[in-house]
Amino acid sequence: MRVSIIFFLLIIQLFLFLSFNMGSSSSNNCCSRNLIEEVCKNFTQVDPHLRYKFCIDSLEVGTGSRCVNRTELGLIALKLLLNNATDTQCYIKQLLGKSKGLNPIIQSNLETCLELYLSGIFGLKEAIRAYESSRYGWDLGVSSMLWSGARCKDSMKVNKGAIPPLKKRNNDIIHLSSIGIGFASDE
């Protein structure tokens, strides 16, 4: 319950941050639902594992009612990914903090996931800085986060130690990473 409240507060905080710091764009570059639908349609055609509804819902939450252009939408997607990855990392730390009586295999998997997320988040932060300054190669950091989420998900499957909330979180990270990578392919 506490994790859900923390996650909800993080989403609200991200929404408020983006609302106040991104400003509004000119009406020529307005990001309506049509732009989000177009972007998600393109991305899901390239990546059949990416769910269209997930893409739409994520980008709509990130934009709120503001108008943004395609570049700003990409930045919103990357920040949503970072927020989710950071929240998942905290959740893993909480699970490990309660490790008394935890199956040793699950504990080992969680430790592996924590290391993967630490590395992925570092690369993602670099990717966001590169994206904001229009530097080439920013998508490598997003790919690193995608790999971290997928590797964590796989490590939980291998030993049949999947913890349901972590499974959903890994899937969300994979999908949000796919959205972020889609903006690189879309340039």
C-alpha atoms as a PDB file:
ATOM      1  CA  MET A   1       0.000   0.000   0.000  1.00  0.00           C
ATOM      2  CA  ARG A   2       2.805   2.403   0.917  1.00  0.00           C
ATOM      3  CA  VAL A   3       4.618   1.685  -2.357  1.00  0.00           C
ATOM      4  CA  SER A   4       1.427   2.474  -4.308  1.00  0.00           C
ATOM      5  CA  ILE A   5       1.091   5.809  -2.537  1.00  0.00           C
ATOM      6  CA  ILE A   6       4.750   6.642  -3.202  1.00  0.00           C
ATOM      7  CA  PHE A   7       4.350   5.723  -6.875  1.00  0.00           C
ATOM      8  CA  PHE A   8       1.184   7.844  -7.145  1.00  0.00           C
ATOM      9  CA  LEU A   9       2.954  10.814  -5.535  1.00  0.00           C
ATOM     10  CA  LEU A  10       5.907  10.431  -7.909  1.00  0.00           C
ATOM     11  CA  ILE A  11       3.581  10.505 -10.919  1.00  0.00           C
ATOM     12  CA  ILE A  12       1.857  13.637  -9.592  1.00  0.00           C
ATOM     13  CA  GLN A  13       5.219  15.248  -8.892  1.00  0.00           C
ATOM     14  CA  LEU A  14       6.426  14.456 -12.411  1.00  0.00           C
ATOM     15  CA  PHE A  15       3.212  15.844 -13.901  1.00  0.00           C
ATOM     16  CA  LEU A  16       3.536  19.095 -11.936  1.00  0.00           C
ATOM     17  CA  PHE A  17       7.222  19.420 -12.802  1.00  0.00           C
ATOM     18  CA  LEU A  18       6.543  18.947 -16.485  1.00  0.00           C
ATOM     19  CA  SER A  19       3.546  21.291 -16.404  1.00  0.00           C
ATOM     20  CA  PHE A  20       5.516  24.156 -14.907  1.00  0.00           C
ATOM     21  CA  ASN A  21       8.919  23.603 -16.520  1.00  0.00           C
ATOM     22  CA  MET A  22       8.152  22.647 -20.089  1.00  0.00           C
ATOM     23  CA  GLY A  23       6.028  25.679 -20.918  1.00  0.00           C
ATOM     24  CA  SER A  24       3.610  25.619 -23.775  1.00  0.00           C
ATOM     25  CA  SER A  25       4.460  25.326 -27.445  1.00  0.00           C
ATOM     26  CA  SER A  26       3.111  27.252 -30.348  1.00  0.00           C
ATOM     27  CA  SER A  27      -0.141  26.031 -31.789  1.00  0.00           C
ATOM     28  CA  ASN A  28       1.713  24.960 -34.967  1.00  0.00           C
ATOM     29  CA  ASN A  29       3.482  22.230 -32.968  1.00  0.00           C
ATOM     30  CA  CYS A  30       0.552  21.331 -30.757  1.00  0.00           C
ATOM     31  CA  CYS A  31       0.520  17.803 -29.428  1.00  0.00           C
ATOM     32  CA  SER A  32      -3.063  16.752 -29.528  1.00  0.00           C
ATOM     33  CA  ARG A  33      -4.369  13.290 -28.992  1.00  0.00           C
ATOM     34  CA  ASN A  34      -3.854  12.843 -32.736  1.00  0.00           C
ATOM     35  CA  LEU A  35      -0.077  13.286 -32.419  1.00  0.00           C
ATOM     36  CA  ILE A  36       0.099  10.813 -29.542  1.00  0.00           C
ATOM     37  CA  GLU A  37      -2.029   8.333 -31.494  1.00  0.00           C
ATOM     38  CA  GLU A  38       0.178   8.777 -34.580  1.00  0.00           C
ATOM     39  CA  VAL A  39       3.372   8.298 -32.581  1.00  0.00           C
ATOM     40  CA  CYS A  40       2.032   5.226 -30.779  1.00  0.00           C
ATOM     41  CA  LYS A  41       0.710   3.726 -33.998  1.00  0.00           C
ATOM     42  CA  ASN A  42       4.144   4.095 -35.616  1.00  0.00           C
ATOM     43  CA  PHE A  43       5.969   2.709 -32.591  1.00  0.00           C
ATOM     44  CA  THR A  44       3.706  -0.328 -32.211  1.00  0.00           C
ATOM     45  CA  GLN A  45       4.124  -1.161 -35.898  1.00  0.00           C
ATOM     46  CA  VAL A  46       7.899  -1.255 -35.412  1.00  0.00           C
ATOM     47  CA  ASP A  47       7.776  -3.056 -32.042  1.00  0.00           C
ATOM     48  CA  PRO A  48       4.919  -5.584 -31.933  1.00  0.00           C
ATOM     49  CA  HIS A  49       5.551  -6.191 -28.211  1.00  0.00           C
ATOM     50  CA  LEU A  50       4.686  -2.590 -27.365  1.00  0.00           C
ATOM     51  CA  ARG A  51       1.027  -2.282 -26.446  1.00  0.00           C
ATOM     52  CA  TYR A  52      -0.785   0.580 -28.179  1.00  0.00           C
ATOM     53  CA  LYS A  53      -3.025   1.372 -25.191  1.00  0.00           C
ATOM     54  CA  PHE A  54      -0.021   1.442 -22.841  1.00  0.00           C
ATOM     55  CA  CYS A  55       1.733   3.883 -25.173  1.00  0.00           C
ATOM     56  CA  ILE A  56      -1.315   6.155 -25.430  1.00  0.00           C
ATOM     57  CA  ASP A  57      -2.035   6.095 -21.689  1.00  0.00           C
ATOM     58  CA  SER A  58       1.601   6.772 -20.741  1.00  0.00           C
ATOM     59  CA  LEU A  59       2.090   9.709 -23.086  1.00  0.00           C
ATOM     60  CA  GLU A  60      -1.280  11.238 -22.222  1.00  0.00           C
ATOM     61  CA  VAL A  61      -0.489  11.114 -18.500  1.00  0.00           C
ATOM     62  CA  GLY A  62       2.891  12.681 -19.195  1.00  0.00           C
ATOM     63  CA  THR A  63       1.524  15.537 -21.274  1.00  0.00           C
ATOM     64  CA  GLY A  64      -1.580  16.273 -19.241  1.00  0.00           C
ATOM     65  CA  SER A  65      -3.583  18.899 -21.107  1.00  0.00           C
ATOM     66  CA  ARG A  66      -0.556  20.816 -22.413  1.00  0.00           C
ATOM     67  CA  CYS A  67       0.371  21.142 -26.042  1.00  0.00           C
ATOM     68  CA  VAL A  68       3.810  19.811 -26.831  1.00  0.00           C
ATOM     69  CA  ASN A  69       5.697  19.104 -30.003  1.00  0.00           C
ATOM     70  CA  ARG A  70       7.267  15.792 -30.969  1.00  0.00           C
ATOM     71  CA  THR A  71      10.629  16.627 -29.375  1.00  0.00           C
ATOM     72  CA  GLU A  72       9.012  17.598 -26.069  1.00  0.00           C
ATOM     73  CA  LEU A  73       6.929  14.430 -26.203  1.00  0.00           C
ATOM     74  CA  GLY A  74      10.157  12.431 -26.505  1.00  0.00           C
ATOM     75  CA  LEU A  75      11.583  14.142 -23.431  1.00  0.00           C
ATOM     76  CA  ILE A  76       8.381  13.453 -21.511  1.00  0.00           C
ATOM     77  CA  ALA A  77       8.641   9.766 -22.458  1.00  0.00           C
ATOM     78  CA  LEU A  78      12.254   9.606 -21.245  1.00  0.00           C
ATOM     79  CA  LYS A  79      11.400  11.290 -17.950  1.00  0.00           C
ATOM     80  CA  LEU A  80       8.476   8.918 -17.404  1.00  0.00           C
ATOM     81  CA  LEU A  81      10.879   6.032 -17.976  1.00  0.00           C
ATOM     82  CA  LEU A  82      13.399   7.479 -15.521  1.00  0.00           C
ATOM     83  CA  ASN A  83      10.693   8.038 -12.913  1.00  0.00           C
ATOM     84  CA  ASN A  84       9.441   4.458 -13.259  1.00  0.00           C
ATOM     85  CA  ALA A  85      12.955   3.008 -13.206  1.00  0.00           C
ATOM     86  CA  THR A  86      13.875   4.984 -10.089  1.00  0.00           C
ATOM     87  CA  ASP A  87      10.653   3.918  -8.377  1.00  0.00           C
ATOM     88  CA  THR A  88      11.337   0.278  -9.275  1.00  0.00           C
ATOM     89  CA  GLN A  89      14.868   0.556  -7.917  1.00  0.00           C
ATOM     90  CA  CYS A  90      13.463   1.872  -4.607  1.00  0.00           C
ATOM     91  CA  TYR A  91      10.918  -0.939  -4.554  1.00  0.00           C
ATOM     92  CA  ILE A  92      13.660  -3.540  -5.018  1.00  0.00           C
ATOM     93  CA  LYS A  93      15.611  -1.963  -2.151  1.00  0.00           C
ATOM     94  CA  GLN A  94      12.480  -2.211   0.028  1.00  0.00           C
ATOM     95  CA  LEU A  95      12.049  -5.885  -0.850  1.00  0.00           C
ATOM     96  CA  LEU A  96      15.697  -6.561  -0.036  1.00  0.00           C
ATOM     97  CA  GLY A  97      15.311  -4.642   3.243  1.00  0.00           C
ATOM     98  CA  LYS A  98      12.654  -7.163   4.213  1.00  0.00           C
ATOM     99  CA  SER A  99      14.853 -10.057   3.135  1.00  0.00           C
ATOM    100  CA  LYS A 100      14.588 -11.943   6.411  1.00  0.00           C
ATOM    101  CA  GLY A 101      13.016 -15.258   5.487  1.00  0.00           C
ATOM    102  CA  LEU A 102      13.259 -14.508   1.766  1.00  0.00           C
ATOM    103  CA  ASN A 103      14.061 -17.443  -0.495  1.00  0.00           C
ATOM    104  CA  PRO A 104      17.842 -17.219  -1.214  1.00  0.00           C
ATOM    105  CA  ILE A 105      17.237 -17.577  -4.953  1.00  0.00           C
ATOM    106  CA  ILE A 106      14.725 -14.715  -4.956  1.00  0.00           C
ATOM    107  CA  GLN A 107      17.083 -12.615  -2.859  1.00  0.00           C
ATOM    108  CA  SER A 108      19.909 -13.267  -5.313  1.00  0.00           C
ATOM    109  CA  ASN A 109      17.622 -12.348  -8.230  1.00  0.00           C
ATOM    110  CA  LEU A 110      16.590  -9.124  -6.504  1.00  0.00           C
ATOM    111  CA  GLU A 111      20.240  -8.215  -5.907  1.00  0.00           C
ATOM    112  CA  THR A 112      20.935  -8.824  -9.598  1.00  0.00           C
ATOM    113  CA  CYS A 113      17.953  -6.658 -10.545  1.00  0.00           C
ATOM    114  CA  LEU A 114      19.121  -3.879  -8.239  1.00  0.00           C
ATOM    115  CA  GLU A 115      22.542  -3.840  -9.938  1.00  0.00           C
ATOM    116  CA  LEU A 116      20.909  -3.868 -13.370  1.00  0.00           C
ATOM    117  CA  TYR A 117      18.619  -0.975 -12.471  1.00  0.00           C
ATOM    118  CA  LEU A 118      21.483   1.063 -10.977  1.00  0.00           C
ATOM    119  CA  SER A 119      23.405   0.702 -14.220  1.00  0.00           C
ATOM    120  CA  GLY A 120      20.368   1.306 -16.421  1.00  0.00           C
ATOM    121  CA  ILE A 121      19.358   4.451 -14.530  1.00  0.00           C
ATOM    122  CA  PHE A 122      22.874   5.861 -14.834  1.00  0.00           C
ATOM    123  CA  GLY A 123      22.781   5.350 -18.610  1.00  0.00           C
ATOM    124  CA  LEU A 124      19.279   6.762 -18.814  1.00  0.00           C
ATOM    125  CA  LYS A 125      20.241   9.958 -16.997  1.00  0.00           C
ATOM    126  CA  GLU A 126      23.073  10.424 -19.495  1.00  0.00           C
ATOM    127  CA  ALA A 127      20.629   9.752 -22.335  1.00  0.00           C
ATOM    128  CA  ILE A 128      18.245  12.447 -21.101  1.00  0.00           C
ATOM    129  CA  ARG A 129      21.068  14.999 -20.902  1.00  0.00           C
ATOM    130  CA  ALA A 130      22.152  14.053 -24.430  1.00  0.00           C
ATOM    131  CA  TYR A 131      18.566  14.244 -25.717  1.00  0.00           C
ATOM    132  CA  GLU A 132      18.062  17.683 -24.188  1.00  0.00           C
ATOM    133  CA  SER A 133      21.206  18.955 -25.930  1.00  0.00           C
ATOM    134  CA  SER A 134      20.388  17.132 -29.197  1.00  0.00           C
ATOM    135  CA  ARG A 135      23.521  15.007 -29.044  1.00  0.00           C
ATOM    136  CA  TYR A 136      23.771  11.923 -31.188  1.00  0.00           C
ATOM    137  CA  GLY A 137      23.665   8.493 -29.535  1.00  0.00           C
ATOM    138  CA  TRP A 138      21.312   9.329 -26.661  1.00  0.00           C
ATOM    139  CA  ASP A 139      19.249   6.248 -27.504  1.00  0.00           C
ATOM    140  CA  LEU A 140      22.035   3.955 -26.236  1.00  0.00           C
ATOM    141  CA  GLY A 141      21.174   4.905 -22.651  1.00  0.00           C
ATOM    142  CA  VAL A 142      17.524   4.070 -23.299  1.00  0.00           C
ATOM    143  CA  SER A 143      18.549   0.736 -24.827  1.00  0.00           C
ATOM    144  CA  SER A 144      20.580   0.076 -21.690  1.00  0.00           C
ATOM    145  CA  MET A 145      17.474   0.606 -19.549  1.00  0.00           C
ATOM    146  CA  LEU A 146      15.467  -1.682 -21.838  1.00  0.00           C
ATOM    147  CA  TRP A 147      18.144  -4.355 -21.471  1.00  0.00           C
ATOM    148  CA  SER A 148      18.196  -3.909 -17.665  1.00  0.00           C
ATOM    149  CA  GLY A 149      14.428  -4.358 -17.391  1.00  0.00           C
ATOM    150  CA  ALA A 150      14.426  -7.366 -19.721  1.00  0.00           C
ATOM    151  CA  ARG A 151      17.390  -8.999 -17.964  1.00  0.00           C
ATOM    152  CA  CYS A 152      15.761  -8.507 -14.555  1.00  0.00           C
ATOM    153  CA  LYS A 153      12.526  -9.992 -15.878  1.00  0.00           C
ATOM    154  CA  ASP A 154      14.433 -12.984 -17.291  1.00  0.00           C
ATOM    155  CA  SER A 155      16.364 -13.569 -14.064  1.00  0.00           C
ATOM    156  CA  MET A 156      13.088 -13.796 -12.171  1.00  0.00           C
ATOM    157  CA  LYS A 157      11.676 -16.306 -14.665  1.00  0.00           C
ATOM    158  CA  VAL A 158      14.712 -18.580 -14.731  1.00  0.00           C
ATOM    159  CA  ASN A 159      14.487 -19.437 -11.055  1.00  0.00           C
ATOM    160  CA  LYS A 160      10.703 -19.260 -10.845  1.00  0.00           C
ATOM    161  CA  GLY A 161      11.150 -16.481  -8.317  1.00  0.00           C
ATOM    162  CA  ALA A 162       9.002 -13.872  -9.998  1.00  0.00           C
ATOM    163  CA  ILE A 163       7.502 -11.441  -7.558  1.00  0.00           C
ATOM    164  CA  PRO A 164       4.268 -10.268  -9.236  1.00  0.00           C
ATOM    165  CA  PRO A 165       4.696  -6.500  -8.610  1.00  0.00           C
ATOM    166  CA  LEU A 166       8.254  -6.632  -9.936  1.00  0.00           C
ATOM    167  CA  LYS A 167       7.094  -8.528 -13.010  1.00  0.00           C
ATOM    168  CA  LYS A 168       4.645  -5.732 -13.879  1.00  0.00           C
ATOM    169  CA  ARG A 169       7.247  -3.080 -13.144  1.00  0.00           C
ATOM    170  CA  ASN A 170       9.778  -4.780 -15.433  1.00  0.00           C
ATOM    171  CA  ASN A 171       7.160  -5.006 -18.187  1.00  0.00           C
ATOM    172  CA  ASP A 172       6.372  -1.301 -17.776  1.00  0.00           C
ATOM    173  CA  ILE A 173      10.087  -0.447 -17.985  1.00  0.00           C
ATOM    174  CA  ILE A 174      10.418  -2.518 -21.147  1.00  0.00           C
ATOM    175  CA  HIS A 175       7.412  -0.794 -22.750  1.00  0.00           C
ATOM    176  CA  LEU A 176       8.465   2.706 -21.682  1.00  0.00           C
ATOM    177  CA  SER A 177      11.971   1.997 -23.013  1.00  0.00           C
ATOM    178  CA  SER A 178      10.453   0.907 -26.322  1.00  0.00           C
ATOM    179  CA  ILE A 179       8.571   4.198 -26.497  1.00  0.00           C
ATOM    180  CA  GLY A 180      11.792   6.109 -25.807  1.00  0.00           C
ATOM    181  CA  ILE A 181      13.686   4.152 -28.454  1.00  0.00           C
ATOM    182  CA  GLY A 182      10.830   4.842 -30.843  1.00  0.00           C
ATOM    183  CA  PHE A 183      11.636   8.555 -30.666  1.00  0.00           C
ATOM    184  CA  ALA A 184      15.203   7.797 -31.753  1.00  0.00           C
ATOM    185  CA  SER A 185      13.966   5.717 -34.693  1.00  0.00           C
ATOM    186  CA  ASP A 186      11.463   8.420 -35.532  1.00  0.00           C
ATOM    187  CA  GLU A 187      14.060  11.202 -35.998  1.00  0.00           C
END
